[in-house]
Amino acid sequence: MKRKLAQWAMAISLTLPAGLALAAAIEPADQVFIGDHIITMDPLKESAEAVAIRDDKIVFVGDQSKARAMIGDETRVVELGDKALVPGLIDAHGHVAMAARFIDFINVSSPPVGKVESIDDLVALLKEHIAKTKPAKGEWIMAYGYDDSLLAENRHPTREDLDKVSTDNPIYMLHVSGHLGTSNSAALAAVGVDENTPNPPGGLFRRMDDGKTPNGVVEEKAAYVLLMPQFMAMAKNPDAFKKQLAKTIKYFASFGVTTIQDGASQLPDVATMRAMGEEGLLDADVVAFPASLHDHHGGEPHGDSDHISEMFKEGYHGGVRVGGVKFVLDGSPQGRTAWMTEPYNANPDGVEGDYTAYPTVDPDDFKAAAKEKLHAGIPILMHANGDAAIDLALDAVDEAFSGQDIPDHRAVIIHSQVMRKDQLDRAKTLKVIPSFYAAHPFFWGDWHRLSFGDERAFGISPAATALKKGVPFTIHNDTPIVPPDMMRLLWVAVNRETRKGVILGPDERISPKEALKAMTMTAAYQYFEEDTKGSLTEGKQADLVILGADPLAVDPKTIKDFPVLESISHGKTIFHR
């Protein structure tokens, strides 16, 4: 139909005056968006009255009169009114495969994500699940999202708490940070953990008062002793994973996300995602960063440079590509395992004296592996929350390129939570991009004040300081740790308000436009995709989002309440409210 219209337009253009001939020769667009709240994020054309797309590309951005000339009989015309049109939002860091698997886990999160407010609530919820599902004896019960900082008891549930739920079924619950967990006696027995089990390097089995018997709470590499066997078993069922992943991508799309990250991927999952992409089963783009052998995931040697390099060079396969590799250097501030240079103000349970936590890698092994990847041209993500871990990340890049001009490598420090001002200066010099876990001030800001004191807590995710220093940065949710709610993420970055209403570092607040840039143009830059994504620019991929209101033109305190009305990926609607 489009070809016939174009041929018809060309034929009659030969008999029309010049101006009318030009209009007639224009091939109709598939969709035209017209309104006063089009936010292009393109520095060369910040304002526009209309955007037109054809197939999977943006073909026009500018005056509505010209866009209306592209309207044909089959063109979808969207009059935006008070609604806003923005570029497709980019997930700068998250774990879509993990989020997919969590679909079948029990959600034991606290408000606003879940309903659990005490250990009694948690125990009751697990008992209710077992009563409904009637699992066979020995079948694992998996849960996620418990948060000791929000439970009434302000502690982790232990094996004694979970043994009240079941002694027949192994139970494992993943902490909200993803870096700790807790288990019942049956789970510990199932993986062979007892009083004679040593702590793994970069991890810890917390013990009872006797100093020997594991109490069920596990940190970092010790957590993966319980979790990874379950994940590896799940990876052997790709058909179930395909259904989970397709559902999860639609979930991301409901928040306006059109490019999604799978950080710390397992290679079997990458293979499944690539197969789904080639079959046309994925609605949005997915960028995978397989876990390096030298991080706390252990197990399979996912850091093979030749293999990863080949997949990286292949680019997108049906909307899926490998973007590099992921290293994990430390834990989490909400779990009080972020590796610090100065002691915590409040320690984890049972820890006395000065405590700075610990790395989850051997520093020398990590530096060697990072150098290998960087010299092979493979981008790297480095999870580093505490400033000691951030020092290690920066040292690795510095030493990798010692004595030579620093190339355009775009290594990313994921989370960059307790990042010092001098570290921002080093990041700029070394061309390292911090990706701030900007959701933290709301979710855990009050907890960070206890852990670090106000001086350090108020500097969490120093986005405004990065702006002043000219350091490009992105912001992220780290889903499934928190939902992929991009409007709430933008709201937190702009307002930095904690659950208790404290402004956690007023000097680190940024404007709505700066926050939106961090999840569009700069996020595309982080991925080496700034030529195809991140702005409403002619020639770029047709990834667009319609919001219920203009985030740049309203009271910033209301941004978190904006609905995403429609998400468009590659020119196709993948979510519509």
Protein backbone atom coordinates (compact mmCIF):
# COMPACT_ATOMS: atom_id res chain seq x y z
CA MET A 1 0.00 0.00 0.00
CA LYS A 2 2.80 2.41 0.93
CA ARG A 3 4.62 1.67 -2.34
CA LYS A 4 1.44 2.30 -4.38
CA LEU A 5 0.87 5.60 -2.57
CA ALA A 6 4.46 6.65 -3.25
CA GLN A 7 4.14 5.74 -6.96
CA TRP A 8 0.86 7.64 -7.17
CA ALA A 9 2.42 10.68 -5.50
CA MET A 10 5.36 10.62 -7.89
CA ALA A 11 3.09 10.39 -10.92
CA ILE A 12 0.86 13.32 -10.05
CA SER A 13 3.81 15.42 -8.86
CA LEU A 14 4.83 15.78 -12.51
CA THR A 15 1.59 17.67 -13.26
CA LEU A 16 1.40 19.90 -10.14
CA PRO A 17 2.95 23.28 -9.34
CA ALA A 18 6.26 23.03 -7.49
CA GLY A 19 4.94 23.61 -3.93
CA LEU A 20 2.04 21.21 -4.33
CA ALA A 21 4.26 18.70 -6.08
CA LEU A 22 6.63 18.66 -3.09
CA ALA A 23 3.77 17.90 -0.70
CA ALA A 24 2.36 15.22 -2.96
CA ALA A 25 5.77 13.53 -3.28
CA ILE A 26 6.13 13.06 0.47
CA GLU A 27 5.67 9.43 1.43
CA PRO A 28 3.05 9.20 4.21
CA ALA A 29 4.30 8.45 7.71
CA ASP A 30 3.04 5.48 9.69
CA GLN A 31 2.48 7.65 12.77
CA VAL A 32 2.51 11.39 13.46
CA PHE A 33 2.60 12.89 16.95
CA ILE A 34 1.58 16.53 17.38
CA GLY A 35 1.69 18.60 20.56
CA ASP A 36 3.19 21.34 22.71
CA HIS A 37 5.08 19.00 25.05
CA ILE A 38 7.52 17.16 22.81
CA ILE A 39 10.82 16.75 24.65
CA THR A 40 13.39 15.77 22.04
CA MET A 41 16.53 15.67 24.25
CA ASP A 42 18.37 16.62 21.05
CA PRO A 43 20.66 19.60 21.83
CA LEU A 44 20.52 20.67 18.17
CA LYS A 45 16.71 20.76 18.06
CA GLU A 46 15.31 20.94 21.57
CA SER A 47 11.83 22.12 20.61
CA ALA A 48 9.42 20.55 18.15
CA GLU A 49 5.73 20.58 17.43
CA ALA A 50 5.59 17.20 15.76
CA VAL A 51 7.38 13.89 15.28
CA ALA A 52 6.74 11.43 12.45
CA ILE A 53 7.87 7.83 12.22
CA ARG A 54 7.89 5.32 9.38
CA ASP A 55 8.63 1.65 9.92
CA ASP A 56 11.26 1.59 12.71
CA LYS A 57 12.77 5.06 12.16
CA ILE A 58 12.03 8.65 13.10
CA VAL A 59 11.64 10.45 9.76
CA PHE A 60 10.67 13.96 10.86
CA VAL A 61 11.01 16.24 13.87
CA GLY A 62 9.85 19.84 13.57
CA ASP A 63 6.87 22.04 12.67
CA GLN A 64 3.42 20.49 12.74
CA SER A 65 2.51 22.00 9.37
CA LYS A 66 5.22 19.94 7.70
CA ALA A 67 4.29 16.87 9.69
CA ARG A 68 0.66 17.17 8.66
CA ALA A 69 1.79 16.97 5.04
CA MET A 70 3.01 13.44 5.88
CA ILE A 71 -0.43 12.26 6.98
CA GLY A 72 -1.94 9.68 4.63
CA ASP A 73 -5.08 7.57 4.70
CA GLU A 74 -3.46 4.95 6.93
CA THR A 75 -1.37 7.27 9.11
CA ARG A 76 -2.05 7.11 12.82
CA VAL A 77 -2.29 10.68 14.13
CA VAL A 78 -1.81 11.32 17.87
CA GLU A 79 -2.82 14.75 19.16
CA LEU A 80 -0.95 14.88 22.44
CA GLY A 81 -2.75 17.77 24.13
CA ASP A 82 -1.35 18.06 27.68
CA LYS A 83 0.49 14.77 27.35
CA ALA A 84 4.25 14.64 26.70
CA LEU A 85 6.30 12.75 24.12
CA VAL A 86 9.83 11.73 25.15
CA PRO A 87 12.49 9.38 23.77
CA GLY A 88 12.30 5.74 24.79
CA LEU A 89 13.75 5.39 28.30
CA ILE A 90 16.93 3.36 28.71
CA ASP A 91 17.66 1.04 31.60
CA ALA A 92 21.25 1.97 32.44
CA HIS A 93 21.58 -0.97 34.81
CA GLY A 94 19.40 -3.88 35.83
CA HIS A 95 18.96 -7.63 35.70
CA VAL A 96 16.06 -8.56 33.44
CA ALA A 97 16.78 -12.31 33.56
CA MET A 98 16.76 -12.29 37.36
CA ALA A 99 13.57 -10.21 37.35
CA ALA A 100 12.02 -12.78 35.01
CA ARG A 101 12.83 -15.65 37.35
CA PHE A 102 11.48 -13.74 40.32
CA ILE A 103 8.04 -13.92 38.72
CA ASP A 104 7.71 -17.39 40.28
CA PHE A 105 9.27 -16.36 43.62
CA ILE A 106 7.30 -15.12 46.62
CA ASN A 107 7.44 -11.33 47.01
CA VAL A 108 8.30 -10.60 50.66
CA SER A 109 9.12 -6.93 50.09
CA SER A 110 8.11 -4.07 52.37
CA PRO A 111 5.94 -1.13 51.22
CA PRO A 112 5.66 0.39 48.67
CA VAL A 113 6.81 -2.69 46.73
CA GLY A 114 5.19 -5.32 48.97
CA LYS A 115 3.22 -5.69 52.21
CA VAL A 116 5.68 -7.22 54.71
CA GLU A 117 6.35 -5.03 57.75
CA SER A 118 7.57 -7.57 60.31
CA ILE A 119 9.08 -11.03 60.58
CA ASP A 120 5.69 -12.32 61.71
CA ASP A 121 4.19 -10.95 58.46
CA LEU A 122 6.91 -12.69 56.50
CA VAL A 123 6.41 -16.05 58.26
CA ALA A 124 2.64 -15.82 57.76
CA LEU A 125 3.04 -15.06 54.05
CA LEU A 126 5.33 -18.05 53.51
CA LYS A 127 2.98 -20.37 55.43
CA GLU A 128 0.07 -19.12 53.32
CA HIS A 129 2.02 -19.86 50.12
CA ILE A 130 2.83 -23.42 51.25
CA ALA A 131 -0.79 -24.03 52.23
CA LYS A 132 -1.97 -22.92 48.79
CA THR A 133 0.69 -24.60 46.61
CA LYS A 134 1.28 -27.76 48.67
CA PRO A 135 4.89 -28.33 47.50
CA ALA A 136 6.33 -31.83 47.65
CA LYS A 137 8.69 -32.63 50.52
CA GLY A 138 12.16 -31.38 49.61
CA GLU A 139 10.92 -28.87 47.03
CA TRP A 140 12.59 -25.48 47.36
CA ILE A 141 10.60 -22.40 48.41
CA MET A 142 12.16 -19.25 46.94
CA ALA A 143 11.37 -15.67 47.99
CA TYR A 144 12.84 -12.24 47.36
CA GLY A 145 12.86 -8.69 48.61
CA TYR A 146 12.97 -8.86 52.42
CA ASP A 147 14.51 -5.72 53.90
CA ASP A 148 15.85 -5.81 57.46
CA SER A 149 16.03 -2.01 57.50
CA LEU A 150 12.23 -1.84 57.11
CA LEU A 151 11.15 -4.79 59.24
CA ALA A 152 9.82 -3.85 62.69
CA GLU A 153 12.58 -5.92 64.28
CA ASN A 154 15.34 -4.20 62.24
CA ARG A 155 17.13 -7.52 61.79
CA HIS A 156 17.48 -10.34 59.29
CA PRO A 157 15.17 -13.33 59.70
CA THR A 158 17.23 -16.36 60.75
CA ARG A 159 16.97 -20.11 60.29
CA GLU A 160 15.02 -20.26 63.57
CA ASP A 161 12.40 -17.89 62.14
CA LEU A 162 12.13 -19.80 58.86
CA ASP A 163 12.05 -23.20 60.56
CA LYS A 164 8.65 -22.07 61.91
CA VAL A 165 7.47 -22.11 58.30
CA SER A 166 8.80 -25.52 57.31
CA THR A 167 11.41 -28.08 58.22
CA ASP A 168 10.50 -30.28 55.24
CA ASN A 169 11.07 -27.77 52.45
CA PRO A 170 14.30 -25.82 51.92
CA ILE A 171 13.56 -22.08 52.07
CA TYR A 172 15.80 -19.38 50.66
CA MET A 173 14.95 -15.68 50.69
CA LEU A 174 17.01 -13.12 48.79
CA HIS A 175 17.65 -9.82 50.56
CA VAL A 176 16.37 -6.69 48.81
CA SER A 177 19.97 -5.75 47.93
CA GLY A 178 20.56 -9.00 46.09
CA HIS A 179 23.81 -9.39 48.03
CA LEU A 180 22.59 -11.24 51.10
CA GLY A 181 19.98 -13.83 51.91
CA THR A 182 18.60 -16.05 54.63
CA SER A 183 17.62 -19.70 54.77
CA ASN A 184 16.08 -22.34 56.98
CA SER A 185 17.80 -25.42 58.36
CA ALA A 186 16.58 -27.61 55.50
CA ALA A 187 18.16 -25.29 52.92
CA LEU A 188 21.50 -25.23 54.71
CA ALA A 189 21.47 -29.02 54.97
CA ALA A 190 20.54 -29.36 51.28
CA VAL A 191 23.71 -27.52 50.19
CA GLY A 192 25.91 -29.06 52.89
CA VAL A 193 26.54 -25.96 55.00
CA ASP A 194 27.17 -26.63 58.70
CA GLU A 195 29.43 -25.58 61.56
CA ASN A 196 32.45 -27.02 59.76
CA THR A 197 31.87 -25.02 56.55
CA PRO A 198 34.44 -22.22 56.17
CA ASN A 199 33.51 -18.79 54.88
CA PRO A 200 34.24 -18.50 51.14
CA PRO A 201 36.60 -15.74 49.97
CA GLY A 202 34.52 -12.59 49.58
CA GLY A 203 31.59 -13.94 51.58
CA LEU A 204 30.34 -14.82 55.05
CA PHE A 205 28.08 -17.35 56.74
CA ARG A 206 26.79 -15.53 59.78
CA ARG A 207 26.96 -17.65 62.93
CA MET A 208 25.01 -18.14 66.13
CA ASP A 209 26.33 -17.06 69.52
CA ASP A 210 28.57 -20.15 69.66
CA GLY A 211 30.57 -18.68 66.76
CA LYS A 212 30.22 -21.91 64.77
CA THR A 213 26.66 -22.82 63.85
CA PRO A 214 25.38 -20.94 60.75
CA ASN A 215 22.33 -18.86 61.68
CA GLY A 216 20.95 -18.92 58.12
CA VAL A 217 22.01 -15.41 57.08
CA VAL A 218 24.53 -15.36 54.24
CA GLU A 219 26.54 -12.54 52.66
CA GLU A 220 27.95 -12.07 49.15
CA LYS A 221 29.70 -15.23 47.85
CA ALA A 222 28.19 -17.25 50.68
CA ALA A 223 24.73 -16.21 49.45
CA TYR A 224 25.45 -17.73 46.06
CA VAL A 225 26.20 -21.08 47.63
CA LEU A 226 22.44 -21.30 48.15
CA LEU A 227 21.12 -19.23 45.27
CA MET A 228 23.23 -20.23 42.27
CA PRO A 229 22.31 -23.94 42.22
CA GLN A 230 18.67 -22.90 41.95
CA PHE A 231 19.40 -20.42 39.16
CA MET A 232 21.53 -22.92 37.26
CA ALA A 233 18.74 -25.49 37.51
CA MET A 234 16.27 -22.92 36.17
CA ALA A 235 18.59 -22.19 33.24
CA LYS A 236 18.05 -25.79 32.11
CA ASN A 237 14.39 -25.00 31.39
CA PRO A 238 14.56 -22.42 28.57
CA ASP A 239 10.88 -22.78 27.66
CA ALA A 240 9.77 -21.60 31.10
CA PHE A 241 12.34 -18.80 30.99
CA LYS A 242 11.03 -17.61 27.60
CA LYS A 243 7.55 -17.12 29.05
CA GLN A 244 8.92 -15.39 32.13
CA LEU A 245 11.14 -13.10 30.07
CA ALA A 246 8.42 -12.09 27.62
CA LYS A 247 6.16 -11.16 30.53
CA THR A 248 8.95 -9.24 32.27
CA ILE A 249 9.79 -7.19 29.18
CA LYS A 250 6.16 -6.10 28.98
CA TYR A 251 6.46 -5.11 32.64
CA PHE A 252 9.49 -2.92 31.86
CA ALA A 253 7.63 -1.44 28.89
CA SER A 254 4.78 -0.38 31.19
CA PHE A 255 7.27 2.05 32.75
CA GLY A 256 8.48 3.43 29.39
CA VAL A 257 11.65 1.33 29.12
CA THR A 258 12.54 0.41 25.54
CA THR A 259 16.16 -0.71 26.07
CA ILE A 260 16.72 -3.10 28.97
CA GLN A 261 19.93 -4.36 30.56
CA ASP A 262 20.74 -7.84 31.80
CA GLY A 263 23.72 -7.23 34.05
CA ALA A 264 25.73 -10.25 35.22
CA SER A 265 24.07 -12.54 32.67
CA GLN A 266 24.49 -16.28 32.66
CA LEU A 267 25.53 -17.50 29.21
CA PRO A 268 22.67 -20.05 28.87
CA ASP A 269 20.25 -17.17 29.43
CA VAL A 270 22.00 -15.07 26.80
CA ALA A 271 21.61 -17.93 24.32
CA THR A 272 17.89 -18.17 25.12
CA MET A 273 17.41 -14.42 24.77
CA ARG A 274 19.21 -14.38 21.43
CA ALA A 275 17.03 -17.23 20.19
CA MET A 276 13.91 -15.36 21.31
CA GLY A 277 15.10 -12.24 19.54
CA GLU A 278 15.71 -14.09 16.29
CA GLU A 279 12.20 -15.56 16.56
CA GLY A 280 10.73 -12.07 17.00
CA LEU A 281 9.53 -12.80 20.53
CA LEU A 282 11.03 -9.78 22.29
CA ASP A 283 9.24 -6.44 22.34
CA ALA A 284 12.19 -4.28 23.44
CA ASP A 285 15.96 -4.27 23.00
CA VAL A 286 18.02 -6.19 25.56
CA VAL A 287 21.72 -5.60 26.19
CA ALA A 288 23.43 -8.42 28.12
CA PHE A 289 26.63 -8.16 30.12
CA PRO A 290 27.74 -11.69 31.06
CA ALA A 291 29.16 -12.11 34.54
CA SER A 292 32.93 -12.25 34.72
CA LEU A 293 34.64 -15.28 36.21
CA HIS A 294 36.23 -12.91 38.70
CA ASP A 295 33.08 -11.76 40.48
CA HIS A 296 30.89 -13.11 43.27
CA HIS A 297 28.69 -15.19 40.97
CA GLY A 298 31.39 -17.85 40.64
CA GLY A 299 30.71 -21.05 38.74
CA GLU A 300 30.83 -20.98 34.98
CA PRO A 301 33.75 -19.17 33.30
CA HIS A 302 31.67 -16.37 31.79
CA GLY A 303 34.67 -14.12 31.34
CA ASP A 304 36.22 -15.86 28.32
CA SER A 305 37.46 -12.90 26.29
CA ASP A 306 37.45 -14.53 22.86
CA HIS A 307 33.87 -15.78 23.23
CA ILE A 308 32.53 -12.53 24.67
CA SER A 309 34.45 -10.49 22.11
CA GLU A 310 32.87 -12.38 19.22
CA MET A 311 29.37 -11.94 20.60
CA PHE A 312 30.06 -8.25 21.25
CA LYS A 313 31.17 -7.72 17.64
CA GLU A 314 28.03 -9.40 16.29
CA GLY A 315 25.80 -6.59 17.59
CA TYR A 316 22.03 -6.96 17.80
CA HIS A 317 20.29 -10.25 16.98
CA GLY A 318 16.58 -9.54 16.81
CA GLY A 319 16.86 -6.92 19.51
CA VAL A 320 19.44 -8.70 21.70
CA ARG A 321 23.15 -7.99 21.89
CA VAL A 322 26.08 -8.57 24.23
CA GLY A 323 27.37 -5.20 25.41
CA GLY A 324 30.42 -6.30 27.44
CA VAL A 325 31.11 -8.01 30.77
CA LYS A 326 30.19 -7.34 34.39
CA PHE A 327 32.44 -7.44 37.47
CA VAL A 328 31.22 -7.19 41.08
CA LEU A 329 33.78 -5.62 43.43
CA ASP A 330 31.82 -5.26 46.67
CA GLY A 331 28.41 -5.54 48.27
CA SER A 332 25.62 -3.09 49.03
CA PRO A 333 25.20 -0.13 51.38
CA GLN A 334 21.69 -1.20 52.37
CA GLY A 335 23.13 -4.60 53.30
CA ARG A 336 26.13 -2.91 54.99
CA THR A 337 28.56 -4.85 52.83
CA ALA A 338 29.70 -1.93 50.63
CA TRP A 339 33.50 -1.79 50.93
CA MET A 340 34.52 1.50 52.55
CA THR A 341 37.77 3.31 53.30
CA GLU A 342 36.41 4.67 56.61
CA PRO A 343 34.43 2.59 59.14
CA TYR A 344 30.67 2.39 59.20
CA ASN A 345 28.85 4.37 61.88
CA ALA A 346 26.57 1.37 62.49
CA ASN A 347 27.77 -2.20 61.95
CA PRO A 348 25.92 -5.32 60.84
CA ASP A 349 24.55 -7.55 63.59
CA GLY A 350 27.28 -9.27 65.60
CA VAL A 351 30.17 -7.15 64.25
CA GLU A 352 32.21 -5.23 66.79
CA GLY A 353 34.86 -2.51 66.37
CA ASP A 354 35.87 -0.64 63.23
CA TYR A 355 34.19 -2.23 60.23
CA THR A 356 34.68 -1.32 56.57
CA ALA A 357 33.25 -4.48 54.92
CA TYR A 358 35.35 -6.22 52.26
CA PRO A 359 35.94 -6.75 48.52
CA THR A 360 34.23 -9.63 46.75
CA VAL A 361 37.15 -10.08 44.34
CA ASP A 362 40.87 -10.58 44.64
CA PRO A 363 42.05 -7.07 43.65
CA ASP A 364 45.03 -8.26 41.59
CA ASP A 365 43.00 -10.91 39.76
CA PHE A 366 40.32 -8.35 39.00
CA LYS A 367 42.80 -5.79 37.65
CA ALA A 368 44.35 -8.38 35.36
CA ALA A 369 40.94 -9.48 34.06
CA ALA A 370 39.76 -5.88 33.57
CA LYS A 371 42.93 -5.04 31.64
CA GLU A 372 42.42 -8.07 29.40
CA LYS A 373 38.84 -7.04 28.57
CA LEU A 374 39.67 -3.37 28.02
CA HIS A 375 42.59 -4.17 25.72
CA ALA A 376 40.34 -6.55 23.78
CA GLY A 377 37.92 -3.67 23.22
CA ILE A 378 35.22 -5.22 25.42
CA PRO A 379 33.29 -2.68 27.53
CA ILE A 380 33.17 -3.43 31.24
CA LEU A 381 30.69 -2.72 34.00
CA MET A 382 32.16 -2.62 37.51
CA HIS A 383 29.77 -2.91 40.42
CA ALA A 384 31.25 -0.69 43.16
CA ASN A 385 29.19 0.90 45.94
CA GLY A 386 31.71 1.82 48.64
CA ASP A 387 34.52 4.29 48.05
CA ALA A 388 37.19 1.60 48.58
CA ALA A 389 35.62 -0.46 45.80
CA ILE A 390 35.39 2.66 43.62
CA ASP A 391 39.10 3.27 44.21
CA LEU A 392 39.79 -0.28 43.00
CA ALA A 393 37.64 0.24 39.87
CA LEU A 394 39.44 3.48 38.99
CA ASP A 395 42.85 1.94 39.71
CA ALA A 396 42.06 -0.93 37.33
CA VAL A 397 41.30 1.43 34.44
CA ASP A 398 44.27 3.66 35.28
CA GLU A 399 46.69 0.75 35.31
CA ALA A 400 45.18 -0.84 32.20
CA PHE A 401 46.00 2.25 30.12
CA SER A 402 49.14 3.34 31.95
CA GLY A 403 51.63 5.08 29.65
CA GLN A 404 49.24 5.47 26.72
CA ASP A 405 46.44 7.72 25.53
CA ILE A 406 43.16 6.64 27.06
CA PRO A 407 40.79 5.36 24.35
CA ASP A 408 37.02 5.80 24.26
CA HIS A 409 36.38 2.72 26.42
CA ARG A 410 33.34 3.97 28.45
CA ALA A 411 33.91 1.65 31.38
CA VAL A 412 31.05 2.10 33.85
CA ILE A 413 31.11 2.09 37.64
CA ILE A 414 27.72 0.65 38.50
CA HIS A 415 25.99 2.21 41.54
CA SER A 416 28.86 4.60 42.51
CA GLN A 417 26.99 5.22 45.76
CA VAL A 418 29.52 6.55 48.26
CA MET A 419 31.63 8.27 45.60
CA ARG A 420 34.02 10.99 46.78
CA LYS A 421 34.59 14.25 44.92
CA ASP A 422 38.20 13.34 44.15
CA GLN A 423 36.93 10.09 42.62
CA LEU A 424 34.68 12.07 40.28
CA ASP A 425 37.77 13.99 39.15
CA ARG A 426 39.58 10.71 38.46
CA ALA A 427 36.55 9.34 36.61
CA LYS A 428 36.59 12.35 34.29
CA THR A 429 40.31 11.99 33.61
CA LEU A 430 40.02 8.24 33.01
CA LYS A 431 36.84 8.55 30.87
CA VAL A 432 34.89 6.36 33.29
CA ILE A 433 31.11 6.78 33.52
CA PRO A 434 29.44 6.57 36.94
CA SER A 435 25.93 5.10 36.84
CA PHE A 436 24.27 6.28 40.03
CA TYR A 437 21.78 4.14 41.88
CA ALA A 438 19.66 7.27 42.21
CA ALA A 439 16.65 5.47 43.73
CA HIS A 440 18.54 5.01 47.01
CA PRO A 441 17.72 8.30 48.77
CA PHE A 442 14.05 7.34 48.93
CA PHE A 443 14.34 3.60 49.54
CA TRP A 444 17.28 3.56 51.97
CA GLY A 445 18.27 7.17 52.70
CA ASP A 446 17.17 6.96 56.34
CA TRP A 447 19.12 3.71 56.77
CA HIS A 448 22.23 5.27 55.19
CA ARG A 449 22.15 8.08 57.76
CA LEU A 450 22.54 5.42 60.44
CA SER A 451 25.17 3.46 58.52
CA PHE A 452 27.40 6.34 57.41
CA GLY A 453 26.41 9.49 59.26
CA ASP A 454 24.95 12.53 57.53
CA GLU A 455 28.13 13.79 55.86
CA ARG A 456 28.61 10.64 53.81
CA ALA A 457 24.91 9.78 53.47
CA PHE A 458 24.04 13.22 52.09
CA GLY A 459 26.64 12.65 49.36
CA ILE A 460 25.10 9.38 48.14
CA SER A 461 24.77 9.40 44.31
CA PRO A 462 26.51 12.78 43.84
CA ALA A 463 24.80 13.69 40.56
CA ALA A 464 24.88 17.48 40.96
CA THR A 465 28.60 17.42 41.76
CA ALA A 466 29.20 15.24 38.70
CA LEU A 467 27.36 17.82 36.58
CA LYS A 468 29.50 20.67 37.94
CA LYS A 469 32.65 18.72 37.21
CA GLY A 470 31.54 17.79 33.69
CA VAL A 471 31.35 14.06 34.36
CA PRO A 472 28.72 12.28 32.23
CA PHE A 473 26.54 9.96 34.32
CA THR A 474 23.45 7.79 34.13
CA ILE A 475 20.88 6.75 36.75
CA HIS A 476 19.19 3.40 37.27
CA ASN A 477 16.77 1.29 39.35
CA ASP A 478 18.74 -1.98 39.44
CA THR A 479 15.58 -4.02 38.87
CA PRO A 480 14.54 -6.41 40.42
CA ILE A 481 16.00 -4.78 43.53
CA VAL A 482 13.38 -2.07 43.02
CA PRO A 483 10.75 -1.98 40.25
CA PRO A 484 11.73 -0.38 36.90
CA ASP A 485 9.59 2.68 37.69
CA MET A 486 11.36 5.37 35.67
CA MET A 487 9.12 8.23 36.78
CA ARG A 488 9.79 7.43 40.42
CA LEU A 489 13.51 7.20 39.63
CA LEU A 490 13.35 10.64 38.02
CA TRP A 491 11.40 11.96 41.02
CA VAL A 492 14.00 10.67 43.49
CA ALA A 493 16.92 12.13 41.51
CA VAL A 494 15.18 15.51 41.44
CA ASN A 495 13.85 15.61 45.02
CA ARG A 496 16.09 13.20 47.03
CA GLU A 497 13.37 12.83 49.66
CA THR A 498 13.63 9.88 52.07
CA ARG A 499 10.73 7.84 53.43
CA LYS A 500 10.79 10.06 56.52
CA GLY A 501 10.71 13.25 54.46
CA VAL A 502 14.37 14.22 54.87
CA ILE A 503 16.08 15.81 51.85
CA LEU A 504 19.14 13.60 51.62
CA GLY A 505 21.73 16.06 50.33
CA PRO A 506 19.87 19.06 48.91
CA ASP A 507 23.02 20.14 47.06
CA GLU A 508 23.00 16.89 45.04
CA ARG A 509 19.51 17.40 43.60
CA ILE A 510 19.34 17.82 39.83
CA SER A 511 16.71 19.26 37.51
CA PRO A 512 14.05 17.11 35.79
CA LYS A 513 15.71 17.76 32.43
CA GLU A 514 19.11 16.64 33.73
CA ALA A 515 17.57 13.50 35.22
CA LEU A 516 15.73 12.75 31.97
CA LYS A 517 18.96 13.19 30.03
CA ALA A 518 20.64 10.63 32.31
CA MET A 519 18.06 8.02 31.30
CA THR A 520 17.98 8.91 27.60
CA MET A 521 20.91 10.59 25.81
CA THR A 522 23.63 9.79 28.35
CA ALA A 523 22.32 6.26 28.81
CA ALA A 524 22.52 5.76 25.04
CA TYR A 525 26.08 7.14 25.17
CA GLN A 526 26.95 4.66 27.95
CA TYR A 527 25.89 1.86 25.59
CA PHE A 528 27.75 3.29 22.56
CA GLU A 529 24.29 3.78 20.99
CA GLU A 530 24.02 7.57 20.95
CA ASP A 531 23.81 7.57 17.15
CA THR A 532 20.63 5.48 17.16
CA LYS A 533 18.87 6.12 20.48
CA GLY A 534 18.41 8.61 23.31
CA SER A 535 16.72 11.51 21.49
CA LEU A 536 13.90 12.27 19.10
CA THR A 537 16.12 12.91 16.09
CA GLU A 538 15.53 12.21 12.43
CA GLY A 539 17.17 8.94 11.42
CA LYS A 540 17.20 7.45 14.90
CA GLN A 541 15.34 4.34 15.98
CA ALA A 542 11.64 4.95 16.61
CA ASP A 543 11.66 4.41 20.37
CA LEU A 544 9.18 6.82 21.99
CA VAL A 545 7.11 7.16 25.16
CA ILE A 546 3.93 9.10 25.83
CA LEU A 547 3.64 10.39 29.41
CA GLY A 548 0.52 11.63 31.16
CA ALA A 549 2.10 15.06 31.70
CA ASP A 550 5.26 17.04 30.95
CA PRO A 551 7.90 16.33 33.65
CA LEU A 552 9.69 19.59 32.79
CA ALA A 553 6.61 21.79 33.23
CA VAL A 554 5.04 20.70 36.53
CA ASP A 555 5.76 20.72 40.25
CA PRO A 556 8.74 18.30 40.56
CA LYS A 557 7.14 16.70 43.62
CA THR A 558 4.38 15.26 41.41
CA ILE A 559 6.58 13.51 38.84
CA LYS A 560 6.40 10.08 40.50
CA ASP A 561 2.65 10.03 39.93
CA PHE A 562 2.84 10.45 36.14
CA PRO A 563 1.46 7.49 34.23
CA VAL A 564 3.21 6.05 31.22
CA LEU A 565 0.44 5.94 28.63
CA GLU A 566 2.22 4.29 25.72
CA SER A 567 5.63 2.80 24.92
CA ILE A 568 6.81 2.38 21.35
CA SER A 569 9.86 0.30 20.38
CA HIS A 570 11.14 0.07 16.80
CA GLY A 571 7.99 1.90 15.71
CA LYS A 572 5.61 -0.64 17.30
CA THR A 573 3.45 -0.08 20.36
CA ILE A 574 4.58 -2.50 23.06
CA PHE A 575 2.50 -1.04 25.90
CA HIS A 576 -0.69 1.01 25.94
CA ARG A 577 -2.65 2.05 29.00
